Protein backbone atom coordinates (compact mmCIF):
# COMPACT_ATOMS: atom_id res chain seq x y z
CA MET A 1 -77.41 3.20 -62.21
CA ARG A 2 -74.31 1.82 -63.81
CA ALA A 3 -72.48 5.00 -62.89
CA LEU A 4 -73.63 4.65 -59.32
CA LEU A 5 -72.62 1.02 -59.27
CA ARG A 6 -69.38 1.96 -60.87
CA LEU A 7 -68.82 4.59 -58.19
CA ARG A 8 -69.92 2.30 -55.46
CA GLY A 9 -67.67 -0.39 -56.88
CA THR A 10 -64.78 1.98 -56.80
CA GLY A 11 -65.51 2.72 -53.17
CA ILE A 12 -65.72 -0.96 -52.36
CA LEU A 13 -62.43 -1.52 -54.16
CA ILE A 14 -60.83 1.34 -52.25
CA ALA A 15 -62.29 -0.02 -49.04
CA LEU A 16 -60.99 -3.49 -49.88
CA LEU A 17 -57.60 -2.04 -50.70
CA LEU A 18 -57.52 -0.19 -47.37
CA VAL A 19 -58.60 -3.26 -45.49
CA GLY A 20 -56.03 -5.28 -47.38
CA ALA A 21 -53.28 -2.83 -46.48
CA ALA A 22 -54.28 -2.90 -42.82
CA GLY A 23 -54.42 -6.67 -42.91
CA CYS A 24 -50.93 -6.89 -44.37
CA SER A 25 -49.62 -4.62 -41.62
CA LYS A 26 -51.29 -6.76 -38.98
CA LEU A 27 -49.92 -9.84 -40.67
CA LYS A 28 -46.40 -8.36 -40.47
CA ASP A 29 -46.72 -7.91 -36.71
CA ASP A 30 -47.79 -11.50 -36.46
CA LEU A 31 -44.81 -12.86 -38.39
CA PRO A 32 -42.74 -15.41 -36.43
CA ALA A 33 -39.71 -13.97 -34.64
CA ALA A 34 -37.44 -15.99 -36.91
CA ASP A 35 -38.64 -13.88 -39.83
CA LYS A 36 -37.82 -10.59 -38.12
CA THR A 37 -34.54 -8.82 -37.27
CA ALA A 38 -33.60 -7.76 -33.73
CA SER A 39 -34.29 -4.12 -34.59
CA GLN A 40 -37.85 -5.04 -35.59
CA ILE A 41 -38.47 -6.76 -32.22
CA HIS A 42 -36.38 -4.89 -29.63
CA ASP A 43 -36.02 -1.19 -29.06
CA PRO A 44 -33.00 0.61 -30.50
CA GLY A 45 -29.93 0.17 -28.29
CA TRP A 46 -30.93 -3.33 -27.19
CA ASN A 47 -27.35 -4.58 -27.62
CA ASP A 48 -25.61 -1.34 -26.67
CA PRO A 49 -24.37 -1.37 -23.04
CA THR A 50 -24.40 2.44 -23.03
CA SER A 51 -28.04 2.70 -24.04
CA ALA A 52 -30.96 3.11 -21.67
CA ASN A 53 -32.65 0.39 -23.74
CA PHE A 54 -29.78 -2.08 -23.26
CA HIS A 55 -31.25 -5.51 -22.52
CA GLY A 56 -29.20 -5.76 -19.32
CA VAL A 57 -30.78 -2.55 -18.03
CA VAL A 58 -34.26 -3.73 -19.03
CA LEU A 59 -33.80 -7.10 -17.34
CA HIS A 60 -32.40 -5.51 -14.23
CA ALA A 61 -35.42 -3.17 -14.00
CA ASP A 62 -37.69 -6.20 -14.32
CA ASN A 63 -35.77 -8.11 -11.62
CA TYR A 64 -34.36 -10.47 -14.26
CA GLN A 65 -37.58 -12.08 -15.35
CA TYR A 66 -36.66 -14.18 -18.40
CA ASN A 67 -40.08 -15.53 -19.36
CA GLN A 68 -40.41 -13.18 -22.31
CA CYS A 69 -36.92 -14.12 -23.56
CA VAL A 70 -37.66 -17.86 -23.42
CA SER A 71 -40.44 -17.62 -26.02
CA CYS A 72 -37.89 -16.70 -28.71
CA HIS A 73 -34.52 -17.79 -27.31
CA ALA A 74 -35.70 -21.13 -25.79
CA LYS A 75 -35.51 -22.28 -22.18
CA SER A 76 -31.84 -23.06 -22.61
CA PHE A 77 -31.23 -19.62 -24.11
CA GLY A 78 -29.36 -21.38 -26.86
CA GLY A 79 -31.25 -19.67 -29.69
CA GLY A 80 -34.74 -21.15 -30.06
CA THR A 81 -36.91 -19.81 -32.87
CA SER A 82 -34.89 -16.60 -32.93
CA GLY A 83 -31.74 -18.46 -33.80
CA VAL A 84 -29.80 -16.05 -31.54
CA GLY A 85 -28.26 -17.56 -28.39
CA CYS A 86 -27.61 -15.48 -25.31
CA PHE A 87 -24.28 -17.26 -24.97
CA THR A 88 -23.00 -15.78 -28.19
CA CYS A 89 -21.93 -12.66 -26.30
CA HIS A 90 -21.60 -13.82 -22.69
CA GLN A 91 -20.95 -17.48 -22.09
CA SER A 92 -22.19 -17.72 -18.53
CA PHE A 93 -25.42 -15.76 -18.51
CA PRO A 94 -28.26 -16.39 -17.80
CA HIS A 95 -26.57 -18.10 -14.84
CA LYS A 96 -27.38 -21.69 -14.00
CA ALA A 97 -28.82 -22.88 -10.72
CA GLY A 98 -26.07 -23.03 -8.09
CA TRP A 99 -24.17 -20.11 -9.58
CA SER A 100 -23.62 -18.62 -6.10
CA ASP A 101 -23.37 -21.95 -4.24
CA THR A 102 -19.75 -22.90 -3.49
CA SER A 103 -20.74 -26.58 -3.20
CA SER A 104 -22.48 -26.65 -6.60
CA THR A 105 -20.86 -27.91 -9.79
CA ASN A 106 -22.27 -24.76 -11.39
CA PHE A 107 -20.55 -22.43 -8.89
CA HIS A 108 -19.15 -19.43 -10.74
CA GLY A 109 -15.75 -19.88 -9.10
CA LYS A 110 -15.39 -23.29 -10.74
CA PHE A 111 -16.69 -21.88 -14.01
CA LEU A 112 -13.94 -19.27 -14.08
CA ARG A 113 -11.24 -21.66 -12.84
CA LEU A 114 -11.98 -24.15 -15.61
CA GLY A 115 -11.64 -21.44 -18.20
CA LEU A 116 -15.25 -21.73 -19.37
CA GLY A 117 -15.44 -17.98 -19.24
CA GLN A 118 -13.30 -14.93 -18.59
CA LEU A 119 -13.68 -11.97 -16.27
CA THR A 120 -14.29 -9.86 -19.35
CA ASP A 121 -17.53 -11.82 -19.79
CA CYS A 122 -18.58 -10.79 -16.29
CA ALA A 123 -17.58 -7.19 -16.94
CA SER A 124 -20.11 -6.84 -19.74
CA CYS A 125 -22.92 -6.93 -17.19
CA HIS A 126 -21.20 -6.26 -13.85
CA GLY A 127 -19.12 -3.35 -15.08
CA ALA A 128 -15.43 -2.91 -15.81
CA ALA A 129 -14.82 -2.39 -12.09
CA PHE A 130 -17.19 -5.30 -11.20
CA ASP A 131 -19.12 -2.96 -8.94
CA GLY A 132 -22.53 -3.54 -10.53
CA GLY A 133 -22.61 -2.24 -14.08
CA THR A 134 -25.87 -2.66 -15.94
CA SER A 135 -26.74 -5.72 -13.86
CA GLY A 136 -26.76 -3.76 -10.63
CA LYS A 137 -25.09 -6.77 -8.98
CA SER A 138 -21.67 -6.00 -7.54
CA CYS A 139 -19.19 -8.86 -7.30
CA PHE A 140 -17.94 -7.26 -4.09
CA THR A 141 -21.24 -7.87 -2.33
CA CYS A 142 -20.10 -11.39 -1.47
CA HIS A 143 -16.31 -11.13 -1.56
CA ALA A 144 -14.88 -7.69 -1.12
CA SER A 145 -11.52 -8.40 -2.72
CA TYR A 146 -12.44 -10.32 -5.85
CA PRO A 147 -12.12 -9.94 -8.78
CA HIS A 148 -8.61 -9.01 -7.65
CA ASN A 149 -7.18 -5.70 -8.71
CA ALA A 150 -4.06 -5.41 -10.82
CA GLY A 151 -1.15 -5.56 -8.43
CA TRP A 152 -2.84 -8.06 -6.14
CA ILE A 153 0.24 -10.31 -6.07
CA ASP A 154 2.79 -7.49 -6.31
CA PRO A 155 4.25 -6.79 -2.83
CA ALA A 156 5.16 -3.27 -3.92
CA SER A 157 1.63 -2.41 -5.06
CA ALA A 158 -0.67 -0.31 -2.93
CA VAL A 159 -3.42 -2.85 -3.62
CA SER A 160 -1.40 -5.99 -2.88
CA HIS A 161 -3.26 -8.72 -1.03
CA GLY A 162 -0.87 -8.37 1.91
CA LYS A 163 -1.85 -4.77 2.45
CA PHE A 164 -5.51 -5.65 1.89
CA LEU A 165 -5.38 -8.30 4.62
CA LYS A 166 -3.49 -6.02 6.96
CA ALA A 167 -6.30 -3.45 6.66
CA LYS A 168 -8.74 -6.24 7.58
CA SER A 169 -6.69 -7.23 10.65
CA TRP A 170 -5.60 -10.42 8.89
CA ASP A 171 -9.11 -11.82 8.66
CA THR A 172 -8.73 -14.53 6.00
CA GLY A 173 -12.31 -15.77 6.18
CA GLU A 174 -13.12 -14.15 2.87
CA CYS A 175 -10.11 -15.82 1.20
CA ALA A 176 -11.25 -19.22 2.42
CA ARG A 177 -14.46 -18.98 0.37
CA CYS A 178 -12.56 -19.48 -2.85
CA HIS A 179 -9.17 -20.81 -1.74
CA GLY A 180 -10.58 -23.40 0.68
CA ALA A 181 -10.67 -23.67 4.47
CA ASN A 182 -7.03 -24.80 4.47
CA PHE A 183 -6.07 -22.34 1.71
CA SER A 184 -4.78 -25.15 -0.49
CA GLY A 185 -6.89 -24.21 -3.52
CA GLY A 186 -10.59 -24.70 -2.91
CA THR A 187 -12.91 -23.90 -5.80
CA SER A 188 -10.39 -21.39 -7.18
CA GLY A 189 -7.70 -24.03 -7.66
CA LYS A 190 -5.18 -21.41 -6.53
CA SER A 191 -3.27 -22.38 -3.39
CA CYS A 192 -2.00 -19.60 -1.15
CA PHE A 193 1.03 -21.79 -0.47
CA THR A 194 2.18 -21.61 -4.09
CA CYS A 195 3.90 -18.30 -3.41
CA HIS A 196 4.51 -18.41 0.34
CA PRO A 197 4.34 -21.88 1.88
CA ALA A 198 3.97 -20.67 5.45
CA TYR A 199 1.06 -18.25 5.14
CA PRO A 200 -1.73 -18.18 6.16
CA HIS A 201 0.10 -19.19 9.34
CA THR A 202 -2.26 -22.03 10.22
CA VAL A 203 0.80 -24.31 10.02
CA PHE A 204 2.21 -22.51 13.07
CA ALA A 205 -0.59 -23.74 15.29
CA SER A 206 1.05 -27.15 15.80
CA SER A 207 3.02 -27.99 18.94
CA SER A 208 6.30 -27.35 17.15
CA GLY A 209 5.18 -23.88 16.05
CA HIS A 210 6.93 -22.03 13.30
CA ALA A 211 10.38 -23.17 14.54
CA GLY A 212 9.42 -26.77 13.77
CA TYR A 213 7.84 -25.74 10.51
CA LEU A 214 10.94 -23.88 9.37
CA TYR A 215 13.11 -26.89 10.19
CA THR A 216 10.98 -29.39 8.28
CA GLN A 217 10.74 -27.05 5.30
CA GLY A 218 14.46 -26.33 5.07
CA TYR A 219 14.24 -22.84 6.59
CA PRO A 220 12.42 -20.90 3.84
CA LEU A 221 13.13 -17.58 5.51
CA ALA A 222 13.13 -15.88 2.14
CA GLN A 223 9.37 -16.38 2.22
CA CYS A 224 9.18 -14.60 5.58
CA LYS A 225 11.13 -11.68 4.13
CA THR A 226 8.59 -11.34 1.32
CA CYS A 227 6.09 -9.93 3.81
CA HIS A 228 8.18 -8.98 6.85
CA GLY A 229 11.03 -7.27 5.01
CA ALA A 230 14.71 -8.05 4.47
CA SER A 231 15.50 -7.36 8.12
CA TYR A 232 12.23 -8.87 9.43
CA ALA A 233 11.35 -5.46 10.85
CA GLY A 234 8.03 -5.20 9.02
CA GLY A 235 8.64 -4.47 5.37
CA THR A 236 6.29 -2.61 3.08
CA VAL A 237 3.74 -5.40 2.75
CA VAL A 238 2.47 -6.17 6.22
CA ASN A 239 4.51 -3.78 8.39
CA VAL A 240 4.52 -6.38 11.16
CA SER A 241 7.92 -6.95 12.76
CA CYS A 242 9.01 -10.45 13.76
CA SER A 243 10.22 -8.80 16.97
CA SER A 244 6.83 -7.33 17.82
CA ALA A 245 5.39 -8.32 21.20
CA GLY A 246 8.87 -9.46 22.20
CA CYS A 247 8.88 -12.49 19.92
CA HIS A 248 12.42 -12.25 18.54
CA ALA A 249 14.12 -10.30 21.30
CA ASP A 250 16.63 -11.01 24.07
CA ASN A 251 15.96 -10.84 27.79
CA THR A 252 16.59 -7.09 27.78
CA GLY A 253 13.91 -6.56 25.13
CA THR A 254 16.44 -5.79 22.42
CA PRO A 255 15.16 -7.06 19.05
CA LYS A 256 17.29 -9.64 17.28
CA SER A 257 17.14 -11.25 13.89
CA PRO A 258 15.43 -14.63 13.45
CA GLU A 259 18.73 -15.62 11.84
CA ALA A 260 20.66 -15.25 15.14
CA CYS A 261 22.43 -18.49 16.10
CA ASN A 262 20.63 -18.83 19.42
CA THR A 263 17.24 -18.57 17.75
CA CYS A 264 17.13 -22.20 16.62
CA HIS A 265 19.39 -23.80 19.23
CA GLY A 266 20.68 -22.66 22.60
CA GLN A 267 19.32 -19.94 24.85
CA PHE A 268 16.68 -18.10 22.89
CA LEU A 269 16.54 -15.10 25.23
CA ALA A 270 20.29 -14.54 25.24
CA SER A 271 21.82 -11.69 23.29
CA ALA A 272 22.45 -12.39 19.62
CA SER A 273 26.10 -11.45 20.14
CA ASP A 274 26.62 -14.09 22.84
CA ALA A 275 28.21 -16.85 20.74
CA LEU A 276 28.39 -19.44 23.53
CA SER A 277 24.65 -19.11 24.20
CA ALA A 278 24.03 -20.81 20.86
CA ALA A 279 24.98 -24.19 22.32
CA PRO A 280 22.09 -26.45 23.36
CA PRO A 281 20.01 -26.82 25.39
CA LYS A 282 17.65 -26.35 23.73
CA SER A 283 18.42 -28.38 20.67
CA VAL A 284 17.13 -27.59 17.19
CA LEU A 285 14.23 -29.94 17.89
CA GLY A 286 13.50 -28.34 21.27
CA ASP A 287 15.08 -30.98 23.52
CA SER A 288 16.77 -30.11 26.81
CA ALA A 289 17.69 -33.50 28.33
CA THR A 290 21.42 -34.32 28.29
CA THR A 291 20.58 -37.87 27.28
CA VAL A 292 19.39 -36.58 23.89
CA ARG A 293 21.99 -36.46 21.13
CA GLY A 294 21.24 -32.87 20.19
CA VAL A 295 21.93 -31.73 23.76
CA GLY A 296 24.43 -34.11 25.37
CA ALA A 297 27.41 -32.39 27.04
CA HIS A 298 27.14 -29.06 25.23
CA ALA A 299 26.56 -27.11 28.42
CA LYS A 300 29.44 -28.84 30.22
CA HIS A 301 31.83 -27.88 27.45
CA LEU A 302 30.68 -24.37 26.61
CA LEU A 303 28.57 -22.81 29.33
CA SER A 304 28.83 -23.99 32.89
CA GLY A 305 32.63 -24.28 33.21
CA THR A 306 32.33 -27.34 35.43
CA LEU A 307 35.04 -29.21 33.50
CA GLY A 308 37.51 -26.58 32.47
CA LYS A 309 38.00 -23.60 30.25
CA SER A 310 34.99 -22.96 28.03
CA VAL A 311 35.39 -24.64 24.66
CA LYS A 312 34.66 -22.70 21.50
CA CYS A 313 32.01 -24.00 19.06
CA VAL A 314 34.62 -24.13 16.31
CA GLU A 315 36.50 -26.80 18.28
CA CYS A 316 33.99 -29.44 17.18
CA HIS A 317 31.97 -27.81 14.40
CA THR A 318 32.47 -25.73 11.30
CA VAL A 319 30.77 -22.54 12.43
CA PRO A 320 28.82 -20.93 9.55
CA THR A 321 29.33 -17.26 8.82
CA THR A 322 25.68 -16.95 7.76
CA LEU A 323 22.56 -19.00 8.28
CA PHE A 324 22.62 -20.34 4.74
CA ALA A 325 26.35 -21.08 4.53
CA THR A 326 27.15 -24.43 2.89
CA GLY A 327 26.97 -27.31 5.34
CA HIS A 328 24.62 -25.60 7.78
CA VAL A 329 20.85 -25.74 7.25
CA ASP A 330 21.24 -27.37 3.84
CA THR A 331 22.11 -30.71 5.48
CA GLN A 332 20.00 -32.93 7.70
CA LEU A 333 20.51 -33.44 11.43
CA PRO A 334 22.58 -34.49 13.29
CA ALA A 335 25.20 -31.78 13.09
CA GLU A 336 28.55 -32.76 11.64
CA VAL A 337 31.40 -33.11 14.16
CA VAL A 338 34.80 -32.01 12.93
CA PHE A 339 37.79 -31.11 15.09
CA ASN A 340 38.82 -27.80 13.60
CA ASP A 341 40.60 -25.99 16.39
CA THR A 342 43.76 -26.61 18.40
CA LEU A 343 42.64 -27.90 21.80
CA ALA A 344 41.57 -31.40 20.78
CA ARG A 345 44.59 -31.64 18.46
CA LEU A 346 47.09 -30.14 20.88
CA VAL A 347 50.61 -31.46 20.24
CA THR A 348 52.31 -32.52 23.49
CA GLY A 349 55.40 -34.46 24.53
CA GLY A 350 57.62 -31.53 23.73
CA GLY A 351 56.33 -31.37 20.17
CA THR A 352 56.58 -35.10 19.46
CA PHE A 353 53.12 -36.45 20.37
CA VAL A 354 50.37 -35.58 17.87
CA PRO A 355 46.83 -36.79 18.65
CA ASN A 356 44.39 -37.76 15.89
CA PRO A 357 40.89 -36.88 17.18
CA THR A 358 37.98 -39.01 15.96
CA TYR A 359 34.25 -39.01 16.53
CA ASN A 360 32.05 -42.10 16.26
CA ALA A 361 28.61 -41.00 15.09
CA THR A 362 27.09 -44.32 16.12
CA SER A 363 28.41 -44.67 19.68
CA LEU A 364 28.63 -40.85 20.05
CA THR A 365 32.15 -41.11 21.46
CA CYS A 366 35.16 -38.83 21.09
CA ALA A 367 38.57 -40.46 21.06
CA ASN A 368 42.23 -39.47 20.74
CA THR A 369 41.70 -35.91 21.96
CA TYR A 370 44.02 -33.94 24.20
CA CYS A 371 40.95 -32.77 26.10
CA HIS A 372 40.21 -36.27 27.35
CA GLY A 373 43.72 -37.46 28.07
CA LYS A 374 45.52 -38.15 24.82
CA TRP A 375 48.74 -36.38 25.85
CA GLN A 376 52.32 -36.98 26.97
CA LEU A 377 54.62 -35.05 29.26
CA LYS A 378 58.34 -35.86 29.04
CA LYS A 379 60.69 -35.69 32.01
CA SER A 380 62.95 -33.04 30.66
CA GLY A 381 63.49 -29.33 30.82
CA PRO A 382 61.37 -27.59 33.46
CA TYR A 383 59.69 -30.85 34.49
CA ALA A 384 62.90 -32.74 35.36
CA ALA A 385 62.45 -32.28 39.08
CA PHE A 386 58.65 -32.70 39.20
CA PHE A 387 58.29 -36.45 38.73
CA THR A 388 60.71 -39.35 38.90
CA THR A 389 58.84 -42.62 38.34
CA ASP A 390 59.21 -42.62 34.55
CA SER A 391 60.72 -40.67 31.70
CA VAL A 392 57.27 -39.73 30.43
CA MET A 393 53.86 -39.08 31.97
CA VAL A 394 50.76 -39.98 29.93
CA GLY A 395 47.04 -39.27 30.07
CA ALA A 396 44.32 -41.93 30.20
CA ALA A 397 43.15 -41.39 26.59
CA ASN A 398 39.50 -41.48 27.64
CA ALA A 399 36.81 -41.89 24.96
CA PRO A 400 33.63 -40.65 26.70
CA SER A 401 30.15 -40.93 25.29
CA TRP A 402 28.55 -37.59 24.43
CA THR A 403 25.38 -38.50 26.37
CA SER A 404 26.95 -40.36 29.31
CA GLY A 405 26.60 -37.44 31.69
CA ALA A 406 28.89 -36.94 34.72
CA SER A 407 30.32 -40.45 34.51
CA GLY A 408 31.85 -39.70 31.12
CA ALA A 409 34.24 -37.15 32.57
CA ALA A 410 34.58 -38.09 36.21
CA CYS A 411 37.78 -37.00 37.94
CA GLY A 412 40.46 -39.53 37.06
CA SER A 413 38.83 -40.71 33.84
CA CYS A 414 41.03 -38.54 31.57
CA HIS A 415 44.19 -38.96 33.68
CA GLY A 416 44.86 -41.38 36.46
CA LEU A 417 44.85 -40.45 40.13
CA PRO A 418 47.72 -39.87 39.91
CA PRO A 419 48.53 -39.98 36.19
CA THR A 420 50.67 -42.80 34.84
CA GLY A 421 54.34 -41.86 35.36
CA HIS A 422 53.48 -39.49 38.23
CA PRO A 423 54.90 -40.10 41.69
CA PRO A 424 52.44 -41.88 44.03
CA SER A 425 50.06 -39.48 45.74
CA SER A 426 46.54 -39.14 47.09
CA LEU A 427 43.80 -36.83 45.83
CA SER A 428 44.40 -34.49 48.73
CA ASP A 429 48.04 -34.15 47.70
CA CYS A 430 47.17 -32.56 44.33
CA GLN A 431 46.89 -29.13 45.85
CA ASN A 432 50.52 -29.27 46.95
CA CYS A 433 51.72 -28.68 43.39
CA HIS A 434 48.53 -27.59 41.65
CA GLY A 435 47.00 -25.41 44.34
CA THR A 436 45.87 -22.69 41.93
CA VAL A 437 43.69 -25.24 40.11
CA VAL A 438 42.46 -27.76 42.71
CA ASN A 439 41.77 -27.81 46.45
CA GLY A 440 42.43 -30.47 49.06
CA SER A 441 39.19 -32.26 48.25
CA GLY A 442 40.11 -32.66 44.63
CA GLN A 443 37.63 -30.02 43.46
CA ILE A 444 38.55 -27.75 40.57
CA ILE A 445 38.63 -24.20 41.91
CA ASN A 446 39.74 -22.37 38.77
CA HIS A 447 38.18 -23.85 35.65
CA ALA A 448 40.00 -21.46 33.36
CA LEU A 449 43.25 -23.21 34.33
CA HIS A 450 41.94 -26.75 33.82
CA ILE A 451 42.11 -28.48 30.41
CA ASN A 452 43.45 -25.30 28.86
CA GLY A 453 46.44 -26.70 26.98
CA LYS A 454 48.96 -25.84 29.71
CA VAL A 455 50.58 -27.59 32.66
CA ASN A 456 49.87 -25.60 35.82
CA VAL A 457 52.38 -26.35 38.54
CA PHE A 458 53.49 -24.22 41.47
CA GLY A 459 51.48 -21.32 40.08
CA GLN A 460 53.21 -21.43 36.71
CA GLU A 461 51.62 -22.29 33.33
CA LEU A 462 54.03 -24.22 31.15
CA ALA A 463 53.72 -25.83 27.74
CA PHE A 464 53.40 -29.61 27.51
């Protein structure tokens, strides 16, 4: 009996030991997560992006249901009972509400701009090329060009943003999502105007167009060349010529540089080689009325020939050799008036009378110029027999206003009718001695011979 009990007792003990072992195993499975390691809870490869058991792959397959994660990592995913926070490896995931909402404070664009995370964080789930990765969510689903490729801001790169936009027919709607509707920064904080202040060309939509914009911005044509090339013919970035569709071209369709003189002032459709066509109208600001300072009597002096021989620009201005020459576009309007050439300063009186031309920028008047009657003609030499009332004939020394119109240079205003020191005569008598210049009605019939620095008498041109 004792032996049987002893045997039975041994069996009971063995049974108890087996039950105890099973109980311990069950107890181990029931240990709190904090008492286990990740390898005891998750499958091998849980933290290995290359593994089929990677937690990103598992979550993606389960449509990113986080309920199971919350029980150990807490609702905030900051660690919970596991003591392991999801943000240890990737600072922005699980993503907060509003992650894809541009108006939300949690918008991922703001998150990246503020430096709360880096694109490398995104790459861990979305892939090195941001085309999905283990998350299966491609960044390019919403914005096809971001994250931007290396070379995005390099004009020479095959993946530059200029070439990207060209391929999209310059549709900038996608850019506006991050850079703002006016491209001044938006949620990205990166303004498109940091690198090229005139593009996107929304600033050209105003009434003054890009001509007005260039003027107010100090002619940043170097920015235009960044995309349109050194000669504005298209370049390697956008391959769009500034002369396309006849924009910068003359009236024969011949392309001309935006830096041509008659682009900003004068006759826009004239040939670039036509120097006189650079005189207003139109003015730099687009005016055409002669009562406007920028227009005034330009046409009378340089183009129409209604007064006399056409005057060269250099007579009153320092003509720049290039657009950006000192004293040209680097100074504010109005243009500086300087009497550089010989006509206004013509020495008369047989070499004894030297005028001193002046310009009053307030009253807009020219004074002391040969052109408007500051001259003398002595009764000597070839002129001895031509007039007898005085030993010297003088002009009227007129000082016309630049914007006075026809009255500023009416016949007789620059020299009397007849000039002082000239024998008495009527207007119809002028043709008797000056018939190659004027007719019997006092009209100038050969402008090239009028106000040209010579005395034209009896068909001869003689020096003063």
